[in-house]
Amino acid sequence: MRWGIVCTWENKMKQKIFYLWGVIICAVFCINSSAEIRPEQIWNKDWSYVNPWEGMSVEFKTFALEKYHEQINYSLANLGKSFKEVDPEKVNDKAYELKVGYITYGLIGGQYCWYGDYKKCAEYEYKDYLQARKCSKESVRIKPDCWGGSLGEGHLLGHVINTYELHKDYKSALPYYRKWLDERVFGYEGNTFEEKLKNLKSKAEKDENLAKAVELIDDWEKAKQLAKTEKPIPMDPAVQNHEWFYSSKSAEVLKALDYYYTNKVKFMIEKAVKHKNPVVAKKAKEYLDNWEAKPAEEKKSEQTREDKK
């Protein structure tokens, strides 16, 4: 009977030891796997997100932003070139490759929108509009005179307006409404913009083809009212800090480093160790040397909880 008890006790101890080893091994592999992010953890094969952007960790967001940053820089370096002259994989825009064939300002604007900087997105969409104006209606998109233009969906100024309004930045959208309306009233009677606008609206009462123009005027009036009350949606902190990381101002780079240290984005700190600015490189090394230490904000939060007790 006692032998049975001893055997049972030994078996339980062995089970506990095996369990503990399992926990340790699992922990080691979990740590190692979290240190190396894989693209398939973020994107599906069609480049849609595996998990919604809002639910991603700062580390995952930053990994994605690094990829977008590379694509934008590659496109900027090859602006105006045919897709046959570049590596399409580094641009990663199949729609533009098939329908436009050239790297345009509009393509780069779309990349900035995907990156999360709507102001840069709108800036390049407007550049696309200016470039595309060089193209006659009959022209195909051929360098050097005509390689601008979108995928053929709507007016290019409408893209700029839509980008601003999606982020509730109605004030920034207003000048582009005016530019678009300047085009619509061109040729109508009147010495001023207001007089031409009045004549257009008068003719629209009898001409159904001018319904879109009246709709644009109505949207403009609504935007003017919304500009007085709405505030633009702020940039995602992950995007803002990523832009600061590549800033020429050391103060902004240092703010980004602090953000990455607080949110445990080690690969960005490691990258900063090689920064050409010695102040930034030194700070990055300090963060790495103290990587296991708790960030100041975390310590402050813990102290606050202790004080409440």
Protein backbone atom coordinates (compact mmCIF):
# COMPACT_ATOMS: atom_id res chain seq x y z
CA MET A 1 0.00 0.00 0.00
CA ARG A 2 2.78 2.44 0.96
CA TRP A 3 4.65 1.51 -2.24
CA GLY A 4 1.58 2.49 -4.22
CA ILE A 5 1.41 5.83 -2.40
CA VAL A 6 5.15 6.48 -3.03
CA CYS A 7 4.77 5.62 -6.74
CA THR A 8 1.76 7.90 -7.02
CA TRP A 9 3.68 10.72 -5.33
CA GLU A 10 6.70 10.22 -7.63
CA ASN A 11 4.46 10.23 -10.71
CA LYS A 12 2.83 13.47 -9.61
CA MET A 13 6.25 15.05 -9.05
CA LYS A 14 7.39 13.94 -12.51
CA GLN A 15 4.25 15.40 -14.01
CA LYS A 16 4.90 18.71 -12.26
CA ILE A 17 8.53 18.77 -13.46
CA PHE A 18 7.49 18.03 -17.05
CA TYR A 19 4.82 20.73 -16.80
CA LEU A 20 7.33 23.32 -15.52
CA TRP A 21 9.79 22.46 -18.29
CA GLY A 22 6.96 22.83 -20.79
CA VAL A 23 6.13 26.30 -19.46
CA ILE A 24 9.80 27.35 -19.61
CA ILE A 25 10.29 26.05 -23.17
CA CYS A 26 7.04 27.66 -24.29
CA ALA A 27 8.04 30.97 -22.72
CA VAL A 28 11.40 30.92 -24.50
CA PHE A 29 9.79 30.24 -27.87
CA CYS A 30 7.09 32.86 -27.27
CA ILE A 31 9.72 35.50 -26.50
CA ASN A 32 11.79 34.58 -29.54
CA SER A 33 8.78 34.54 -31.87
CA SER A 34 7.51 37.92 -30.63
CA ALA A 35 10.94 39.43 -31.29
CA GLU A 36 10.73 38.57 -34.99
CA ILE A 37 7.56 39.78 -36.68
CA ARG A 38 6.58 38.03 -39.89
CA PRO A 39 4.59 39.75 -42.67
CA GLU A 40 1.93 37.03 -42.63
CA GLN A 41 1.13 38.03 -39.04
CA ILE A 42 -0.03 41.42 -40.34
CA TRP A 43 -1.19 40.97 -43.95
CA ASN A 44 -3.21 38.41 -45.85
CA LYS A 45 -2.14 37.47 -49.39
CA ASP A 46 -4.29 40.26 -50.84
CA TRP A 47 -2.61 42.81 -48.49
CA SER A 48 -5.71 43.20 -46.33
CA TYR A 49 -4.98 43.14 -42.60
CA VAL A 50 -5.16 39.90 -40.65
CA ASN A 51 -6.45 41.95 -37.70
CA PRO A 52 -7.98 45.46 -37.79
CA TRP A 53 -5.45 48.30 -37.61
CA GLU A 54 -7.12 49.68 -34.48
CA GLY A 55 -6.50 46.41 -32.64
CA MET A 56 -2.82 46.05 -33.56
CA SER A 57 0.01 46.56 -31.09
CA VAL A 58 2.34 49.52 -31.62
CA GLU A 59 5.04 47.02 -32.59
CA PHE A 60 2.91 45.51 -35.38
CA LYS A 61 1.79 48.93 -36.60
CA THR A 62 5.38 50.13 -36.76
CA PHE A 63 6.45 47.04 -38.69
CA ALA A 64 3.71 47.80 -41.25
CA LEU A 65 4.66 51.49 -41.40
CA GLU A 66 8.27 50.58 -42.15
CA LYS A 67 7.06 48.60 -45.17
CA TYR A 68 4.87 51.47 -46.40
CA HIS A 69 7.74 53.91 -45.85
CA GLU A 70 9.97 51.80 -48.11
CA GLN A 71 7.31 51.69 -50.82
CA ILE A 72 6.77 55.47 -50.72
CA ASN A 73 10.50 56.21 -50.93
CA TYR A 74 10.91 53.80 -53.84
CA SER A 75 8.00 55.38 -55.71
CA LEU A 76 9.30 58.91 -55.07
CA ALA A 77 12.70 57.90 -56.43
CA ASN A 78 11.05 56.51 -59.59
CA LEU A 79 8.32 59.10 -60.15
CA GLY A 80 7.21 59.24 -63.79
CA LYS A 81 8.82 55.95 -64.72
CA SER A 82 7.00 53.11 -66.41
CA PHE A 83 6.36 49.97 -64.37
CA LYS A 84 8.52 48.21 -66.96
CA GLU A 85 11.49 50.25 -65.73
CA VAL A 86 11.06 49.45 -62.03
CA ASP A 87 10.49 46.53 -59.70
CA PRO A 88 6.66 46.33 -59.39
CA GLU A 89 6.93 44.39 -56.13
CA LYS A 90 8.59 47.37 -54.48
CA VAL A 91 5.74 49.66 -55.56
CA ASN A 92 2.99 47.16 -54.73
CA ASP A 93 0.10 48.71 -56.65
CA LYS A 94 -1.32 46.30 -59.20
CA ALA A 95 -4.20 48.59 -60.16
CA TYR A 96 -1.89 51.43 -61.22
CA GLU A 97 0.45 48.99 -62.91
CA LEU A 98 -2.34 47.61 -65.11
CA LYS A 99 -4.52 50.70 -65.66
CA VAL A 100 -2.04 53.60 -65.68
CA GLY A 101 1.34 52.01 -66.28
CA TYR A 102 3.42 54.80 -64.70
CA ILE A 103 4.35 55.84 -61.19
CA THR A 104 2.31 59.01 -60.74
CA TYR A 105 1.71 61.55 -58.00
CA GLY A 106 -1.71 59.93 -57.56
CA LEU A 107 -0.14 56.56 -56.86
CA ILE A 108 2.12 58.13 -54.21
CA GLY A 109 -0.88 59.97 -52.76
CA GLY A 110 -2.62 56.63 -52.35
CA GLN A 111 0.45 55.20 -50.64
CA TYR A 112 0.45 58.10 -48.17
CA CYS A 113 -3.25 57.53 -47.47
CA TRP A 114 -2.54 53.87 -46.73
CA TYR A 115 0.39 54.92 -44.56
CA GLY A 116 -1.90 57.16 -42.52
CA ASP A 117 -0.80 60.70 -43.40
CA TYR A 118 -3.89 62.21 -45.01
CA LYS A 119 -2.29 65.65 -45.48
CA LYS A 120 0.56 64.19 -47.55
CA CYS A 121 -2.00 62.07 -49.37
CA ALA A 122 -4.03 65.16 -50.34
CA GLU A 123 -0.85 67.05 -51.28
CA TYR A 124 0.16 64.39 -53.81
CA GLU A 125 -3.40 63.98 -55.09
CA TYR A 126 -3.38 67.69 -55.91
CA LYS A 127 0.01 67.37 -57.62
CA ASP A 128 -1.55 64.58 -59.66
CA TYR A 129 -4.36 66.94 -60.69
CA LEU A 130 -1.86 69.61 -61.80
CA GLN A 131 0.21 67.06 -63.76
CA ALA A 132 -2.86 65.52 -65.39
CA ARG A 133 -4.01 68.93 -66.66
CA LYS A 134 -1.15 68.72 -69.16
CA CYS A 135 -2.96 65.82 -70.83
CA SER A 136 -5.44 66.53 -73.61
CA LYS A 137 -8.69 64.56 -73.52
CA GLU A 138 -7.53 62.46 -76.45
CA SER A 139 -4.06 61.82 -75.05
CA VAL A 140 -2.89 58.54 -73.63
CA ARG A 141 -0.62 58.60 -70.58
CA ILE A 142 2.81 58.92 -72.12
CA LYS A 143 5.91 60.63 -70.71
CA PRO A 144 7.02 63.36 -70.46
CA ASP A 145 3.94 65.48 -71.09
CA CYS A 146 1.24 63.19 -69.84
CA TRP A 147 1.80 60.59 -67.17
CA GLY A 148 -0.48 61.98 -64.46
CA GLY A 149 -4.01 61.02 -63.66
CA SER A 150 -5.92 58.64 -61.44
CA LEU A 151 -7.51 55.30 -62.14
CA GLY A 152 -10.29 57.10 -63.96
CA GLU A 153 -12.78 57.28 -61.09
CA GLY A 154 -14.14 60.80 -60.57
CA HIS A 155 -12.63 64.27 -60.78
CA LEU A 156 -9.11 64.56 -59.37
CA LEU A 157 -10.03 67.58 -57.22
CA GLY A 158 -12.84 65.45 -55.83
CA HIS A 159 -10.20 63.01 -54.58
CA VAL A 160 -8.45 65.82 -52.69
CA ILE A 161 -11.71 67.06 -51.17
CA ASN A 162 -12.76 63.54 -50.20
CA THR A 163 -9.43 62.85 -48.48
CA TYR A 164 -9.76 65.98 -46.32
CA GLU A 165 -13.43 65.40 -45.53
CA LEU A 166 -12.90 61.75 -44.53
CA HIS A 167 -10.69 63.15 -41.76
CA LYS A 168 -13.14 65.98 -40.95
CA ASP A 169 -10.66 68.59 -42.13
CA TYR A 170 -13.29 70.67 -43.89
CA LYS A 171 -11.31 73.89 -43.63
CA SER A 172 -8.47 72.44 -45.73
CA ALA A 173 -10.98 71.15 -48.29
CA LEU A 174 -12.53 74.56 -49.01
CA PRO A 175 -9.85 75.93 -51.40
CA TYR A 176 -10.23 72.83 -53.60
CA TYR A 177 -13.99 73.29 -53.79
CA ARG A 178 -13.31 76.79 -55.07
CA LYS A 179 -10.79 75.53 -57.65
CA TRP A 180 -13.27 72.95 -58.88
CA LEU A 181 -16.10 75.49 -59.05
CA ASP A 182 -13.83 77.89 -60.94
CA GLU A 183 -13.65 75.21 -63.62
CA ARG A 184 -17.42 74.67 -63.62
CA VAL A 185 -18.37 78.36 -63.97
CA PHE A 186 -15.79 79.04 -66.67
CA GLY A 187 -17.55 80.46 -69.73
CA TYR A 188 -20.68 81.56 -67.89
CA GLU A 189 -21.77 85.22 -67.99
CA GLY A 190 -20.58 87.50 -65.23
CA ASN A 191 -17.62 89.63 -64.21
CA THR A 192 -17.06 87.91 -60.84
CA PHE A 193 -17.09 84.36 -59.55
CA GLU A 194 -20.30 85.06 -57.64
CA GLU A 195 -22.08 86.37 -60.75
CA LYS A 196 -21.01 83.34 -62.80
CA LEU A 197 -22.12 81.01 -60.04
CA LYS A 198 -25.53 82.68 -59.95
CA ASN A 199 -25.93 82.27 -63.72
CA LEU A 200 -24.92 78.61 -63.54
CA LYS A 201 -27.55 77.92 -60.87
CA SER A 202 -30.15 79.79 -62.92
CA LYS A 203 -29.45 77.69 -66.02
CA ALA A 204 -29.38 74.49 -63.94
CA GLU A 205 -33.11 74.95 -63.24
CA LYS A 206 -33.78 74.15 -66.92
CA ASP A 207 -30.84 71.87 -67.67
CA GLU A 208 -30.62 68.45 -65.98
CA ASN A 209 -27.01 68.09 -67.18
CA LEU A 210 -26.02 70.75 -64.65
CA ALA A 211 -27.39 68.81 -61.66
CA LYS A 212 -23.89 67.66 -60.65
CA ALA A 213 -22.67 71.25 -60.64
CA VAL A 214 -25.50 72.31 -58.33
CA GLU A 215 -24.74 69.33 -56.07
CA LEU A 216 -21.12 70.48 -55.88
CA ILE A 217 -22.24 73.99 -54.89
CA ASP A 218 -24.47 72.54 -52.16
CA ASP A 219 -21.58 70.39 -50.84
CA TRP A 220 -19.37 73.47 -50.79
CA GLU A 221 -21.93 75.38 -48.70
CA LYS A 222 -22.20 72.47 -46.26
CA ALA A 223 -18.40 72.22 -45.98
CA LYS A 224 -18.17 75.94 -45.15
CA GLN A 225 -20.55 75.42 -42.24
CA LEU A 226 -18.82 72.25 -41.02
CA ALA A 227 -15.44 73.99 -41.14
CA LYS A 228 -16.67 76.25 -38.34
CA THR A 229 -17.52 73.40 -35.96
CA GLU A 230 -15.61 70.23 -36.87
CA LYS A 231 -12.04 69.49 -35.80
CA PRO A 232 -9.74 67.29 -37.93
CA ILE A 233 -9.18 63.72 -36.78
CA PRO A 234 -5.66 63.60 -35.29
CA MET A 235 -2.99 61.37 -36.76
CA ASP A 236 -2.52 57.92 -35.21
CA PRO A 237 0.34 58.23 -32.64
CA ALA A 238 2.08 55.26 -34.30
CA VAL A 239 2.15 57.17 -37.61
CA GLN A 240 3.13 60.49 -36.03
CA ASN A 241 6.05 58.94 -34.16
CA HIS A 242 7.15 57.02 -37.22
CA GLU A 243 7.34 60.29 -39.15
CA TRP A 244 9.25 61.89 -36.27
CA PHE A 245 11.70 58.99 -36.34
CA TYR A 246 12.73 60.01 -39.87
CA SER A 247 12.68 63.74 -39.13
CA SER A 248 15.74 65.95 -39.67
CA LYS A 249 15.04 67.49 -36.24
CA SER A 250 16.79 65.59 -33.47
CA ALA A 251 14.16 66.65 -30.90
CA GLU A 252 11.45 64.86 -32.91
CA VAL A 253 13.59 61.75 -33.38
CA LEU A 254 14.20 61.63 -29.63
CA LYS A 255 10.44 61.86 -28.98
CA ALA A 256 9.95 58.90 -31.30
CA LEU A 257 12.65 56.91 -29.49
CA ASP A 258 10.96 57.53 -26.17
CA TYR A 259 7.67 56.34 -27.68
CA TYR A 260 9.30 53.15 -29.01
CA TYR A 261 11.05 52.48 -25.71
CA THR A 262 7.79 52.94 -23.78
CA ASN A 263 5.90 50.67 -26.19
CA LYS A 264 8.70 48.09 -26.47
CA VAL A 265 9.40 48.42 -30.20
CA LYS A 266 12.95 47.15 -30.01
CA PHE A 267 13.77 46.92 -33.73
CA MET A 268 13.34 50.70 -34.10
CA ILE A 269 15.66 51.38 -31.16
CA GLU A 270 18.22 49.03 -32.70
CA LYS A 271 17.91 50.89 -35.98
CA ALA A 272 18.52 54.23 -34.24
CA VAL A 273 21.82 53.00 -32.77
CA LYS A 274 23.28 53.49 -36.28
CA HIS A 275 21.77 56.99 -36.65
CA LYS A 276 24.10 59.61 -38.19
CA ASN A 277 23.24 62.03 -35.37
CA PRO A 278 25.48 61.05 -32.41
CA VAL A 279 22.96 62.40 -29.88
CA VAL A 280 20.24 60.13 -31.24
CA ALA A 281 22.60 57.14 -31.51
CA LYS A 282 23.75 57.61 -27.91
CA LYS A 283 20.20 57.80 -26.59
CA ALA A 284 19.23 54.67 -28.52
CA LYS A 285 22.16 52.79 -26.99
CA GLU A 286 21.07 53.92 -23.52
CA TYR A 287 17.60 52.57 -24.16
CA LEU A 288 18.99 49.22 -25.30
CA ASP A 289 21.30 48.98 -22.27
CA ASN A 290 18.27 49.52 -20.03
CA TRP A 291 15.82 47.52 -22.14
CA GLU A 292 14.58 45.32 -19.32
CA ALA A 293 14.06 48.30 -17.02
CA LYS A 294 10.54 49.65 -16.78
CA PRO A 295 9.85 52.89 -18.68
CA ALA A 296 9.26 56.02 -16.60
CA GLU A 297 5.53 56.16 -17.46
CA GLU A 298 5.05 52.55 -16.33
CA LYS A 299 6.87 53.23 -13.06
CA LYS A 300 4.78 56.37 -12.50
CA SER A 301 1.57 54.41 -13.14
CA GLU A 302 2.62 51.72 -10.63
CA GLN A 303 3.51 54.38 -8.04
CA THR A 304 0.10 55.99 -8.50
CA ARG A 305 -1.61 52.65 -7.87
CA GLU A 306 0.48 52.13 -4.75
CA ASP A 307 -0.38 55.61 -3.45
CA LYS A 308 -4.10 54.93 -3.92
CA LYS A 309 -3.79 51.84 -1.71
